[in-house]
Amino acid sequence: NAPKGPTPGKGRGELTERERQVVQLLSEGLSNKLIADRLGISDHTAKFHVNGVMMKLGASTRTEAVVEAMRRGLIRL
């Protein structure tokens, strides 16, 4: 059984379907509150997903996350 938890090597995780939706909304410049409203989730949950996206993409800013998601072909502008 493979160990659970973060994998070594920053920014190598696969995004979940929800995280893909979140990064697409990030690319539209939406705040966590607007992402939450659009997806019908709480602000806290939206923030959790944004943080997960940034961690998996090895990004330290929302903009870096969007750029990396585009580079990987995960989103289109």
Protein backbone atom coordinates (compact mmCIF):
# COMPACT_ATOMS: atom_id res chain seq x y z
CA ASN A 1 0.00 0.00 0.00
CA ALA A 2 1.40 3.38 -1.00
CA PRO A 3 1.76 5.91 1.79
CA LYS A 4 -0.92 8.58 1.91
CA GLY A 5 -0.22 12.29 2.15
CA PRO A 6 1.86 14.72 0.13
CA THR A 7 4.13 13.23 -2.48
CA PRO A 8 7.77 14.30 -2.58
CA GLY A 9 8.60 16.88 -5.21
CA LYS A 10 6.65 20.09 -5.03
CA GLY A 11 3.94 20.65 -7.57
CA ARG A 12 3.46 17.15 -8.94
CA GLY A 13 -0.07 16.28 -7.79
CA GLU A 14 -2.93 15.64 -10.16
CA LEU A 15 -5.79 18.09 -9.81
CA THR A 16 -9.21 16.76 -8.90
CA GLU A 17 -12.18 17.71 -11.05
CA ARG A 18 -13.20 20.29 -8.42
CA GLU A 19 -9.68 21.74 -8.34
CA ARG A 20 -9.79 22.07 -12.13
CA GLN A 21 -13.03 24.02 -11.79
CA VAL A 22 -11.43 26.23 -9.14
CA VAL A 23 -8.33 26.99 -11.21
CA GLN A 24 -10.54 27.81 -14.21
CA LEU A 25 -12.40 30.33 -12.04
CA LEU A 26 -9.08 31.67 -10.73
CA SER A 27 -8.12 32.32 -14.36
CA GLU A 28 -11.20 34.54 -14.62
CA GLY A 29 -9.88 36.61 -11.72
CA LEU A 30 -12.53 35.53 -9.23
CA SER A 31 -12.02 35.94 -5.48
CA ASN A 32 -12.46 33.01 -3.10
CA LYS A 33 -15.91 34.38 -2.21
CA LEU A 34 -16.99 34.52 -5.85
CA ILE A 35 -15.55 31.05 -6.51
CA ALA A 36 -17.55 29.78 -3.53
CA ASP A 37 -20.73 31.45 -4.83
CA ARG A 38 -20.22 30.10 -8.37
CA LEU A 39 -19.63 26.52 -7.17
CA GLY A 40 -22.22 26.55 -4.38
CA ILE A 41 -19.64 25.87 -1.66
CA SER A 42 -18.55 27.74 1.48
CA ASP A 43 -15.87 30.43 1.42
CA HIS A 44 -13.76 28.17 3.64
CA THR A 45 -14.05 25.27 1.20
CA ALA A 46 -13.17 27.53 -1.73
CA LYS A 47 -10.06 28.72 0.11
CA PHE A 48 -9.15 25.08 0.86
CA HIS A 49 -9.42 24.19 -2.84
CA VAL A 50 -7.42 27.26 -3.92
CA ASN A 51 -4.65 26.32 -1.48
CA GLY A 52 -4.69 22.73 -2.76
CA VAL A 53 -4.43 23.91 -6.37
CA MET A 54 -1.51 26.19 -5.54
CA MET A 55 0.30 23.44 -3.63
CA LYS A 56 -0.20 20.84 -6.36
CA LEU A 57 0.93 23.26 -9.08
CA GLY A 58 3.93 24.44 -7.06
CA ALA A 59 2.66 28.02 -7.15
CA SER A 60 3.12 30.69 -4.51
CA THR A 61 0.53 33.06 -6.01
CA ARG A 62 -2.84 32.67 -7.69
CA THR A 63 -1.35 34.05 -10.90
CA GLU A 64 1.44 31.46 -10.88
CA ALA A 65 -1.17 28.74 -10.38
CA VAL A 66 -3.11 29.94 -13.46
CA VAL A 67 0.07 30.16 -15.56
CA GLU A 68 1.14 26.65 -14.53
CA ALA A 69 -2.35 25.24 -15.16
CA MET A 70 -2.25 26.76 -18.67
CA ARG A 71 1.22 25.35 -19.24
CA ARG A 72 -0.07 21.89 -18.31
CA GLY A 73 -3.10 22.26 -20.55
CA LEU A 74 -5.54 22.08 -17.62
CA ILE A 75 -7.38 25.29 -18.48
CA ARG A 76 -8.00 27.60 -21.41
CA LEU A 77 -8.47 31.34 -21.28
